[in-house]
Amino acid sequence: MEKTAVQKLAGVLKILVTITFVCNLIVLPLVPVLVSVAGCQIPLPELLGNLTAEPPLPGDDWPYFSPGLQMFLVVVGAWTENFAFTFVLTLFLLFCGICTAVILWQGRRVLGTILQGAPFSTQNAVSLRRAAVCSFCIAGAALLRTIWGLWFYQSLRPLATYNALFVPIFTMFGLLCLVMSALFRQATEMKVENDLTI
């Protein structure tokens, strides 16, 4: 049986969502290191230049640290210099990354049922409800981080950050997922009633 235009579009979307999901899983373990490098006082080009530098000759400035040890010292230095900021940012990004992975996985499940030709199933309603819960969790974490930022910096600067923007965006996305979940559930019930009537 030939695929409909909706199924073809769902196939393309499933590939893109899968790629995004895999990239999310690859980046998640690197979050503490990336936050540390971003939080250190050394500019990234200079840091990378130091990592590729040749070891000094005997008699030059010793001790020589290998590139791996230099990176380790940068990470440890960023964690000890500004621990509160680094810890909160790392925790926030890890939490949001895990929630995003769940949302993407639920999206893959919904697209999979569309590809099978059975979009009106209770499985889609459950998947969209899970995505909504994760969206609300991200919005809540962003709100907490914004409030923490207001307290930490003692200024209104955190209101002009991506954290403050995450709150309404992910709240609206969660509400949209809840509406779609209710629609899928209602469509499934109507389909079952239709099948029983026939």
Protein backbone atom coordinates (compact mmCIF):
# COMPACT_ATOMS: atom_id res chain seq x y z
CA MET A 1 0.00 0.00 0.00
CA GLU A 2 1.36 3.41 -0.97
CA LYS A 3 2.04 5.92 1.77
CA THR A 4 -0.07 9.03 2.02
CA ALA A 5 1.43 12.53 2.03
CA VAL A 6 0.95 12.70 5.80
CA GLN A 7 2.83 9.42 6.28
CA LYS A 8 5.68 10.63 4.08
CA LEU A 9 5.91 13.83 6.10
CA ALA A 10 5.76 11.81 9.33
CA GLY A 11 8.63 9.65 8.04
CA VAL A 12 10.82 12.69 7.41
CA LEU A 13 9.89 14.16 10.79
CA LYS A 14 10.70 10.88 12.54
CA ILE A 15 14.18 10.88 10.99
CA LEU A 16 14.79 14.48 12.12
CA VAL A 17 13.45 13.78 15.63
CA THR A 18 15.65 10.67 15.87
CA ILE A 19 18.75 12.65 14.87
CA THR A 20 17.91 15.32 17.45
CA PHE A 21 17.29 12.65 20.10
CA VAL A 22 20.67 10.99 19.45
CA CYS A 23 22.47 14.36 19.53
CA ASN A 24 20.73 15.13 22.83
CA LEU A 25 21.95 11.85 24.32
CA ILE A 26 25.50 12.49 23.10
CA VAL A 27 25.64 15.99 24.61
CA LEU A 28 24.07 15.11 27.99
CA PRO A 29 27.21 13.52 29.51
CA LEU A 30 29.31 16.45 28.24
CA VAL A 31 27.20 19.11 30.00
CA PRO A 32 29.40 19.43 33.14
CA VAL A 33 32.55 19.82 31.03
CA LEU A 34 30.94 22.31 28.64
CA VAL A 35 29.60 24.39 31.54
CA SER A 36 33.05 24.34 33.16
CA VAL A 37 34.80 25.44 29.98
CA ALA A 38 32.22 28.19 29.49
CA GLY A 39 32.65 29.28 33.10
CA CYS A 40 36.45 29.43 33.11
CA GLN A 41 38.21 32.74 32.65
CA ILE A 42 40.37 31.53 29.73
CA PRO A 43 38.94 32.29 26.25
CA LEU A 44 38.13 29.10 24.33
CA PRO A 45 40.56 29.73 21.39
CA GLU A 46 43.40 30.26 23.86
CA LEU A 47 42.39 27.15 25.80
CA LEU A 48 42.31 25.04 22.64
CA GLY A 49 45.65 26.52 21.57
CA ASN A 50 47.16 25.47 24.89
CA LEU A 51 45.80 21.97 24.49
CA THR A 52 47.50 21.52 21.12
CA ALA A 53 50.77 23.14 22.14
CA GLU A 54 53.96 21.12 21.95
CA PRO A 55 55.51 20.03 25.26
CA PRO A 56 58.34 22.32 26.37
CA LEU A 57 61.95 21.25 26.15
CA PRO A 58 63.74 20.32 29.39
CA GLY A 59 64.78 23.48 31.16
CA ASP A 60 61.70 25.45 29.99
CA ASP A 61 58.80 26.21 32.28
CA TRP A 62 58.09 23.02 34.16
CA PRO A 63 55.96 21.19 35.08
CA TYR A 64 54.40 20.29 31.75
CA PHE A 65 50.78 19.15 31.86
CA SER A 66 49.41 16.91 29.16
CA PRO A 67 46.40 18.26 27.20
CA GLY A 68 44.04 15.94 29.07
CA LEU A 69 45.36 17.07 32.44
CA GLN A 70 45.13 20.71 31.36
CA MET A 71 41.45 20.22 30.47
CA PHE A 72 40.87 18.48 33.81
CA LEU A 73 42.47 21.41 35.66
CA VAL A 74 40.29 23.88 33.74
CA VAL A 75 37.15 21.90 34.63
CA VAL A 76 38.15 21.66 38.30
CA GLY A 77 39.10 25.33 38.35
CA ALA A 78 35.72 26.41 36.99
CA TRP A 79 33.93 24.25 39.55
CA THR A 80 35.95 25.64 42.48
CA GLU A 81 35.96 29.31 41.40
CA ASN A 82 32.22 29.79 40.99
CA PHE A 83 30.69 26.65 42.43
CA ALA A 84 27.13 27.92 43.01
CA PHE A 85 26.69 29.24 39.46
CA THR A 86 28.35 26.21 37.84
CA PHE A 87 26.36 23.72 39.93
CA VAL A 88 22.98 25.38 39.32
CA LEU A 89 23.60 25.76 35.57
CA THR A 90 24.80 22.15 35.24
CA LEU A 91 21.84 20.80 37.21
CA PHE A 92 19.40 22.90 35.17
CA LEU A 93 20.84 21.87 31.80
CA LEU A 94 20.98 18.18 32.75
CA PHE A 95 17.37 18.23 33.99
CA CYS A 96 16.15 20.05 30.87
CA GLY A 97 18.19 17.72 28.64
CA ILE A 98 16.60 14.64 30.20
CA CYS A 99 13.11 16.14 29.89
CA THR A 100 13.82 17.07 26.28
CA ALA A 101 14.96 13.51 25.55
CA VAL A 102 11.66 12.21 26.94
CA ILE A 103 9.68 14.71 24.83
CA LEU A 104 11.58 13.70 21.69
CA TRP A 105 11.06 9.99 22.43
CA GLN A 106 7.31 10.54 22.89
CA GLY A 107 7.28 12.46 19.59
CA ARG A 108 8.94 9.49 17.90
CA ARG A 109 6.23 7.21 19.30
CA VAL A 110 3.44 9.44 17.97
CA LEU A 111 5.09 9.64 14.55
CA GLY A 112 5.51 5.85 14.58
CA THR A 113 1.77 5.29 15.00
CA ILE A 114 1.09 7.75 12.16
CA LEU A 115 3.50 5.78 9.95
CA GLN A 116 1.63 2.57 10.84
CA GLY A 117 -1.62 4.18 9.70
CA ALA A 118 -3.20 4.15 13.17
CA PRO A 119 -2.93 7.71 14.46
CA PHE A 120 -6.05 7.53 16.63
CA SER A 121 -4.86 5.32 19.45
CA THR A 122 -4.73 5.65 23.20
CA GLN A 123 -0.94 5.28 22.94
CA ASN A 124 -0.73 8.71 21.28
CA ALA A 125 -2.84 10.29 24.03
CA VAL A 126 -0.51 8.82 26.67
CA SER A 127 2.62 9.91 24.78
CA LEU A 128 1.37 13.47 24.42
CA ARG A 129 0.43 13.60 28.11
CA ARG A 130 3.97 12.50 29.05
CA ALA A 131 5.41 15.19 26.74
CA ALA A 132 3.16 17.75 28.45
CA VAL A 133 4.38 16.74 31.91
CA CYS A 134 8.02 17.07 30.79
CA SER A 135 7.27 20.48 29.26
CA PHE A 136 5.76 21.68 32.52
CA CYS A 137 8.82 20.34 34.37
CA ILE A 138 11.13 22.37 32.10
CA ALA A 139 8.96 25.48 32.59
CA GLY A 140 9.06 24.95 36.36
CA ALA A 141 12.83 24.47 36.38
CA ALA A 142 13.27 27.62 34.27
CA LEU A 143 11.06 29.56 36.67
CA LEU A 144 13.08 28.31 39.66
CA ARG A 145 16.34 29.23 37.94
CA THR A 146 15.02 32.69 37.09
CA ILE A 147 13.99 33.22 40.71
CA TRP A 148 17.39 31.93 41.86
CA GLY A 149 19.08 34.31 39.41
CA LEU A 150 17.10 37.26 40.78
CA TRP A 151 18.27 36.34 44.28
CA PHE A 152 21.86 35.48 43.29
CA TYR A 153 22.55 38.59 41.19
CA GLN A 154 20.29 40.96 43.18
CA SER A 155 19.17 42.57 39.92
CA LEU A 156 16.53 42.22 37.20
CA ARG A 157 19.03 40.89 34.62
CA PRO A 158 17.74 37.27 34.84
CA LEU A 159 14.37 38.45 33.50
CA ALA A 160 16.09 39.12 30.14
CA THR A 161 17.59 35.61 29.79
CA TYR A 162 16.56 32.42 28.04
CA ASN A 163 15.38 31.05 31.40
CA ALA A 164 12.62 33.65 31.64
CA LEU A 165 11.71 32.91 28.01
CA PHE A 166 11.54 29.15 28.67
CA VAL A 167 8.72 29.60 31.21
CA PRO A 168 5.97 30.78 28.81
CA ILE A 169 7.24 28.78 25.83
CA PHE A 170 7.30 25.41 27.58
CA THR A 171 4.08 26.18 29.47
CA MET A 172 2.30 26.83 26.16
CA PHE A 173 3.87 23.74 24.60
CA GLY A 174 2.70 21.65 27.57
CA LEU A 175 -0.83 23.03 27.27
CA LEU A 176 -0.81 22.32 23.52
CA CYS A 177 0.29 18.74 24.21
CA LEU A 178 -2.53 18.35 26.76
CA VAL A 179 -5.09 19.61 24.23
CA MET A 180 -3.72 17.27 21.55
CA SER A 181 -3.77 14.40 24.04
CA ALA A 182 -7.44 15.05 24.81
CA LEU A 183 -8.22 15.26 21.09
CA PHE A 184 -6.46 11.97 20.37
CA ARG A 185 -8.27 10.31 23.28
CA GLN A 186 -11.64 11.61 22.10
CA ALA A 187 -10.94 10.58 18.49
CA THR A 188 -9.98 7.10 19.70
CA GLU A 189 -13.23 6.77 21.66
CA MET A 190 -15.27 7.95 18.65
CA LYS A 191 -13.43 5.48 16.40
CA VAL A 192 -14.19 2.60 18.80
CA GLU A 193 -17.87 3.61 18.96
CA ASN A 194 -17.98 3.85 15.17
CA ASP A 195 -16.46 0.39 14.80
CA LEU A 196 -18.97 -1.06 17.28
CA THR A 197 -21.89 0.62 15.48
CA ILE A 198 -20.86 -0.85 12.13
